[in-house]
Amino acid sequence: MTDIPVRQPVPEYCVYCDRPVEPTSENLVMLGFSASGARPSLYAHPDCPAPRKIPQRTGR
């Protein structure tokens, strides 16, 4: 019998502090639409204050 690797879900990161966050409906924030017009799924910790400008994440 061979072991089949189980894929772990890709972690979500807080759009304000860039720490891992649970992708729940309570943590979902809508910050606009992507260039393609799709609604992005963005998550933030409830206790993270929203910055004036959202930092651009690089290479994840």
PDB file of N, CA and C in Angstrom:
ATOM      1  N   MET A   1       0.848  -1.174   0.000  1.00  0.00           N
ATOM      2  CA  MET A   1       0.000   0.000   0.000  1.00  0.00           C
ATOM      3  C   MET A   1       0.898   1.245   0.000  1.00  0.00           C
ATOM      4  N   THR A   2       0.584   2.200  -0.851  1.00  0.00           N
ATOM      5  CA  THR A   2       1.375   3.416  -0.928  1.00  0.00           C
ATOM      6  C   THR A   2       0.641   4.559  -0.236  1.00  0.00           C
ATOM      7  N   ASP A   3       1.434   5.440   0.324  1.00  0.00           N
ATOM      8  CA  ASP A   3       0.852   6.622   0.965  1.00  0.00           C
ATOM      9  C   ASP A   3       0.611   7.689  -0.092  1.00  0.00           C
ATOM     10  N   ILE A   4      -0.600   8.201  -0.128  1.00  0.00           N
ATOM     11  CA  ILE A   4      -0.943   9.277  -1.048  1.00  0.00           C
ATOM     12  C   ILE A   4      -0.892  10.575  -0.257  1.00  0.00           C
ATOM     13  N   PRO A   5      -0.066  11.525  -0.708  1.00  0.00           N
ATOM     14  CA  PRO A   5       0.007  12.786   0.047  1.00  0.00           C
ATOM     15  C   PRO A   5      -1.318  13.540  -0.008  1.00  0.00           C
ATOM     16  N   VAL A   6      -1.682  14.094   1.135  1.00  0.00           N
ATOM     17  CA  VAL A   6      -2.921  14.878   1.231  1.00  0.00           C
ATOM     18  C   VAL A   6      -2.554  16.336   1.091  1.00  0.00           C
ATOM     19  N   ARG A   7      -3.215  17.021   0.149  1.00  0.00           N
ATOM     20  CA  ARG A   7      -2.941  18.452  -0.041  1.00  0.00           C
ATOM     21  C   ARG A   7      -3.606  19.247   1.062  1.00  0.00           C
ATOM     22  N   GLN A   8      -2.833  20.123   1.662  1.00  0.00           N
ATOM     23  CA  GLN A   8      -3.363  21.029   2.672  1.00  0.00           C
ATOM     24  C   GLN A   8      -3.915  22.256   1.962  1.00  0.00           C
ATOM     25  N   PRO A   9      -4.983  22.850   2.472  1.00  0.00           N
ATOM     26  CA  PRO A   9      -5.506  24.067   1.839  1.00  0.00           C
ATOM     27  C   PRO A   9      -4.481  25.201   1.915  1.00  0.00           C
ATOM     28  N   VAL A  10      -4.498  26.049   0.918  1.00  0.00           N
ATOM     29  CA  VAL A  10      -3.592  27.196   0.889  1.00  0.00           C
ATOM     30  C   VAL A  10      -4.018  28.162   1.985  1.00  0.00           C
ATOM     31  N   PRO A  11      -3.085  28.580   2.838  1.00  0.00           N
ATOM     32  CA  PRO A  11      -3.472  29.492   3.932  1.00  0.00           C
ATOM     33  C   PRO A  11      -3.836  30.871   3.398  1.00  0.00           C
ATOM     34  N   GLU A  12      -4.748  31.509   4.081  1.00  0.00           N
ATOM     35  CA  GLU A  12      -5.112  32.887   3.770  1.00  0.00           C
ATOM     36  C   GLU A  12      -4.330  33.795   4.701  1.00  0.00           C
ATOM     37  N   TYR A  13      -4.028  34.998   4.228  1.00  0.00           N
ATOM     38  CA  TYR A  13      -3.273  35.959   5.023  1.00  0.00           C
ATOM     39  C   TYR A  13      -4.087  37.231   5.176  1.00  0.00           C
ATOM     40  N   CYS A  14      -3.994  37.825   6.344  1.00  0.00           N
ATOM     41  CA  CYS A  14      -4.687  39.070   6.636  1.00  0.00           C
ATOM     42  C   CYS A  14      -4.191  40.170   5.694  1.00  0.00           C
ATOM     43  N   VAL A  15      -5.111  40.904   5.084  1.00  0.00           N
ATOM     44  CA  VAL A  15      -4.722  41.958   4.148  1.00  0.00           C
ATOM     45  C   VAL A  15      -4.138  43.169   4.857  1.00  0.00           C
ATOM     46  N   TYR A  16      -4.289  43.247   6.188  1.00  0.00           N
ATOM     47  CA  TYR A  16      -3.772  44.383   6.923  1.00  0.00           C
ATOM     48  C   TYR A  16      -2.433  44.100   7.598  1.00  0.00           C
ATOM     49  N   CYS A  17      -2.272  42.894   8.191  1.00  0.00           N
ATOM     50  CA  CYS A  17      -1.037  42.613   8.938  1.00  0.00           C
ATOM     51  C   CYS A  17      -0.214  41.485   8.323  1.00  0.00           C
ATOM     52  N   ASP A  18      -0.732  40.795   7.329  1.00  0.00           N
ATOM     53  CA  ASP A  18      -0.035  39.731   6.599  1.00  0.00           C
ATOM     54  C   ASP A  18       0.270  38.500   7.454  1.00  0.00           C
ATOM     55  N   ARG A  19      -0.482  38.327   8.562  1.00  0.00           N
ATOM     56  CA  ARG A  19      -0.377  37.100   9.360  1.00  0.00           C
ATOM     57  C   ARG A  19      -1.449  36.134   8.875  1.00  0.00           C
ATOM     58  N   PRO A  20      -1.276  34.829   9.088  1.00  0.00           N
ATOM     59  CA  PRO A  20      -2.312  33.870   8.700  1.00  0.00           C
ATOM     60  C   PRO A  20      -3.636  34.179   9.398  1.00  0.00           C
ATOM     61  N   VAL A  21      -4.735  33.961   8.679  1.00  0.00           N
ATOM     62  CA  VAL A  21      -6.072  34.232   9.211  1.00  0.00           C
ATOM     63  C   VAL A  21      -7.016  33.131   8.733  1.00  0.00           C
ATOM     64  N   GLU A  22      -7.999  32.789   9.562  1.00  0.00           N
ATOM     65  CA  GLU A  22      -9.013  31.799   9.184  1.00  0.00           C
ATOM     66  C   GLU A  22      -9.919  32.385   8.112  1.00  0.00           C
ATOM     67  N   PRO A  23     -10.146  31.663   7.021  1.00  0.00           N
ATOM     68  CA  PRO A  23     -11.046  32.169   5.984  1.00  0.00           C
ATOM     69  C   PRO A  23     -12.516  31.913   6.343  1.00  0.00           C
ATOM     70  N   THR A  24     -13.059  32.701   7.245  1.00  0.00           N
ATOM     71  CA  THR A  24     -14.449  32.569   7.656  1.00  0.00           C
ATOM     72  C   THR A  24     -15.241  33.776   7.177  1.00  0.00           C
ATOM     73  N   SER A  25     -16.545  33.673   7.207  1.00  0.00           N
ATOM     74  CA  SER A  25     -17.388  34.783   6.760  1.00  0.00           C
ATOM     75  C   SER A  25     -17.222  36.002   7.667  1.00  0.00           C
ATOM     76  N   GLU A  26     -16.874  35.792   8.953  1.00  0.00           N
ATOM     77  CA  GLU A  26     -16.654  36.916   9.865  1.00  0.00           C
ATOM     78  C   GLU A  26     -15.382  37.685   9.517  1.00  0.00           C
ATOM     79  N   ASN A  27     -14.425  37.019   8.887  1.00  0.00           N
ATOM     80  CA  ASN A  27     -13.149  37.641   8.556  1.00  0.00           C
ATOM     81  C   ASN A  27     -13.088  38.153   7.122  1.00  0.00           C
ATOM     82  N   LEU A  28     -14.125  37.942   6.346  1.00  0.00           N
ATOM     83  CA  LEU A  28     -14.157  38.357   4.948  1.00  0.00           C
ATOM     84  C   LEU A  28     -14.323  39.865   4.843  1.00  0.00           C
ATOM     85  N   VAL A  29     -13.485  40.497   4.048  1.00  0.00           N
ATOM     86  CA  VAL A  29     -13.598  41.931   3.797  1.00  0.00           C
ATOM     87  C   VAL A  29     -13.636  42.154   2.293  1.00  0.00           C
ATOM     88  N   MET A  30     -14.405  43.114   1.869  1.00  0.00           N
ATOM     89  CA  MET A  30     -14.473  43.450   0.446  1.00  0.00           C
ATOM     90  C   MET A  30     -13.799  44.793   0.252  1.00  0.00           C
ATOM     91  N   LEU A  31     -12.711  44.779  -0.488  1.00  0.00           N
ATOM     92  CA  LEU A  31     -11.946  46.001  -0.694  1.00  0.00           C
ATOM     93  C   LEU A  31     -12.021  46.492  -2.124  1.00  0.00           C
ATOM     94  N   GLY A  32     -12.941  45.960  -2.889  1.00  0.00           N
ATOM     95  CA  GLY A  32     -13.062  46.357  -4.288  1.00  0.00           C
ATOM     96  C   GLY A  32     -13.007  45.146  -5.189  1.00  0.00           C
ATOM     97  N   PHE A  33     -12.851  45.407  -6.453  1.00  0.00           N
ATOM     98  CA  PHE A  33     -12.845  44.334  -7.430  1.00  0.00           C
ATOM     99  C   PHE A  33     -11.483  44.231  -8.090  1.00  0.00           C
ATOM    100  N   SER A  34     -11.138  43.028  -8.528  1.00  0.00           N
ATOM    101  CA  SER A  34      -9.871  42.835  -9.227  1.00  0.00           C
ATOM    102  C   SER A  34      -9.984  43.362 -10.648  1.00  0.00           C
ATOM    103  N   ALA A  35      -8.877  43.440 -11.343  1.00  0.00           N
ATOM    104  CA  ALA A  35      -8.859  43.956 -12.712  1.00  0.00           C
ATOM    105  C   ALA A  35      -9.733  43.126 -13.643  1.00  0.00           C
ATOM    106  N   SER A  36      -9.866  41.837 -13.359  1.00  0.00           N
ATOM    107  CA  SER A  36     -10.675  40.973 -14.216  1.00  0.00           C
ATOM    108  C   SER A  36     -12.168  41.129 -13.926  1.00  0.00           C
ATOM    109  N   GLY A  37     -12.507  41.824 -12.858  1.00  0.00           N
ATOM    110  CA  GLY A  37     -13.910  42.001 -12.501  1.00  0.00           C
ATOM    111  C   GLY A  37     -14.406  40.953 -11.521  1.00  0.00           C
ATOM    112  N   ALA A  38     -13.575  39.979 -11.203  1.00  0.00           N
ATOM    113  CA  ALA A  38     -13.967  38.947 -10.249  1.00  0.00           C
ATOM    114  C   ALA A  38     -13.914  39.519  -8.835  1.00  0.00           C
ATOM    115  N   ARG A  39     -14.734  38.975  -7.961  1.00  0.00           N
ATOM    116  CA  ARG A  39     -14.712  39.415  -6.569  1.00  0.00           C
ATOM    117  C   ARG A  39     -13.627  38.645  -5.834  1.00  0.00           C
ATOM    118  N   PRO A  40     -12.580  39.303  -5.377  1.00  0.00           N
ATOM    119  CA  PRO A  40     -11.525  38.588  -4.666  1.00  0.00           C
ATOM    120  C   PRO A  40     -11.964  38.201  -3.253  1.00  0.00           C
ATOM    121  N   SER A  41     -11.459  37.097  -2.786  1.00  0.00           N
ATOM    122  CA  SER A  41     -11.696  36.707  -1.402  1.00  0.00           C
ATOM    123  C   SER A  41     -10.544  37.231  -0.576  1.00  0.00           C
ATOM    124  N   LEU A  42     -10.809  38.216   0.231  1.00  0.00           N
ATOM    125  CA  LEU A  42      -9.798  38.823   1.083  1.00  0.00           C
ATOM    126  C   LEU A  42     -10.250  38.705   2.526  1.00  0.00           C
ATOM    127  N   TYR A  43      -9.309  38.399   3.397  1.00  0.00           N
ATOM    128  CA  TYR A  43      -9.640  38.183   4.804  1.00  0.00           C
ATOM    129  C   TYR A  43      -8.769  39.055   5.693  1.00  0.00           C
ATOM    130  N   ALA A  44      -9.324  39.444   6.833  1.00  0.00           N
ATOM    131  CA  ALA A  44      -8.601  40.259   7.809  1.00  0.00           C
ATOM    132  C   ALA A  44      -9.054  39.862   9.202  1.00  0.00           C
ATOM    133  N   HIS A  45      -8.143  40.025  10.161  1.00  0.00           N
ATOM    134  CA  HIS A  45      -8.504  39.786  11.558  1.00  0.00           C
ATOM    135  C   HIS A  45      -9.474  40.875  11.996  1.00  0.00           C
ATOM    136  N   PRO A  46     -10.485  40.539  12.784  1.00  0.00           N
ATOM    137  CA  PRO A  46     -11.441  41.548  13.250  1.00  0.00           C
ATOM    138  C   PRO A  46     -10.788  42.652  14.082  1.00  0.00           C
ATOM    139  N   ASP A  47      -9.673  42.341  14.755  1.00  0.00           N
ATOM    140  CA  ASP A  47      -9.028  43.336  15.609  1.00  0.00           C
ATOM    141  C   ASP A  47      -7.934  44.135  14.897  1.00  0.00           C
ATOM    142  N   CYS A  48      -7.686  43.873  13.617  1.00  0.00           N
ATOM    143  CA  CYS A  48      -6.679  44.641  12.869  1.00  0.00           C
ATOM    144  C   CYS A  48      -7.310  45.936  12.361  1.00  0.00           C
ATOM    145  N   PRO A  49      -6.712  47.076  12.706  1.00  0.00           N
ATOM    146  CA  PRO A  49      -7.247  48.336  12.177  1.00  0.00           C
ATOM    147  C   PRO A  49      -6.918  48.456  10.693  1.00  0.00           C
ATOM    148  N   ALA A  50      -7.854  48.935   9.933  1.00  0.00           N
ATOM    149  CA  ALA A  50      -7.645  49.104   8.492  1.00  0.00           C
ATOM    150  C   ALA A  50      -6.676  50.260   8.253  1.00  0.00           C
ATOM    151  N   PRO A  51      -5.609  50.016   7.513  1.00  0.00           N
ATOM    152  CA  PRO A  51      -4.679  51.109   7.208  1.00  0.00           C
ATOM    153  C   PRO A  51      -5.267  52.033   6.156  1.00  0.00           C
ATOM    154  N   ARG A  52      -4.671  53.188   5.993  1.00  0.00           N
ATOM    155  CA  ARG A  52      -5.129  54.121   4.960  1.00  0.00           C
ATOM    156  C   ARG A  52      -4.874  53.548   3.575  1.00  0.00           C
ATOM    157  N   LYS A  53      -3.746  52.848   3.415  1.00  0.00           N
ATOM    158  CA  LYS A  53      -3.405  52.236   2.139  1.00  0.00           C
ATOM    159  C   LYS A  53      -3.050  50.781   2.398  1.00  0.00           C
ATOM    160  N   ILE A  54      -3.589  49.875   1.600  1.00  0.00           N
ATOM    161  CA  ILE A  54      -3.333  48.452   1.776  1.00  0.00           C
ATOM    162  C   ILE A  54      -1.943  48.132   1.224  1.00  0.00           C
ATOM    163  N   PRO A  55      -1.085  47.490   2.027  1.00  0.00           N
ATOM    164  CA  PRO A  55       0.248  47.152   1.541  1.00  0.00           C
ATOM    165  C   PRO A  55       0.180  46.113   0.423  1.00  0.00           C
ATOM    166  N   GLN A  56       1.063  46.236  -0.537  1.00  0.00           N
ATOM    167  CA  GLN A  56       1.126  45.280  -1.645  1.00  0.00           C
ATOM    168  C   GLN A  56       2.001  44.115  -1.218  1.00  0.00           C
ATOM    169  N   ARG A  57       1.433  42.913  -1.231  1.00  0.00           N
ATOM    170  CA  ARG A  57       2.208  41.726  -0.874  1.00  0.00           C
ATOM    171  C   ARG A  57       3.010  41.295  -2.095  1.00  0.00           C
ATOM    172  N   THR A  58       4.168  40.771  -1.840  1.00  0.00           N
ATOM    173  CA  THR A  58       5.008  40.317  -2.938  1.00  0.00           C
ATOM    174  C   THR A  58       5.264  38.841  -2.821  1.00  0.00           C
ATOM    175  N   GLY A  59       5.197  38.157  -3.942  1.00  0.00           N
ATOM    176  CA  GLY A  59       5.561  36.752  -4.091  1.00  0.00           C
ATOM    177  C   GLY A  59       5.187  35.790  -3.002  1.00  0.00           C
ATOM    178  N   ARG A  60       3.997  35.355  -2.987  1.00  0.00           N
ATOM    179  CA  ARG A  60       3.575  34.272  -2.083  1.00  0.00           C
ATOM    180  C   ARG A  60       3.102  33.146  -2.912  1.00  0.00           C
TER     181      ARG A  60
END
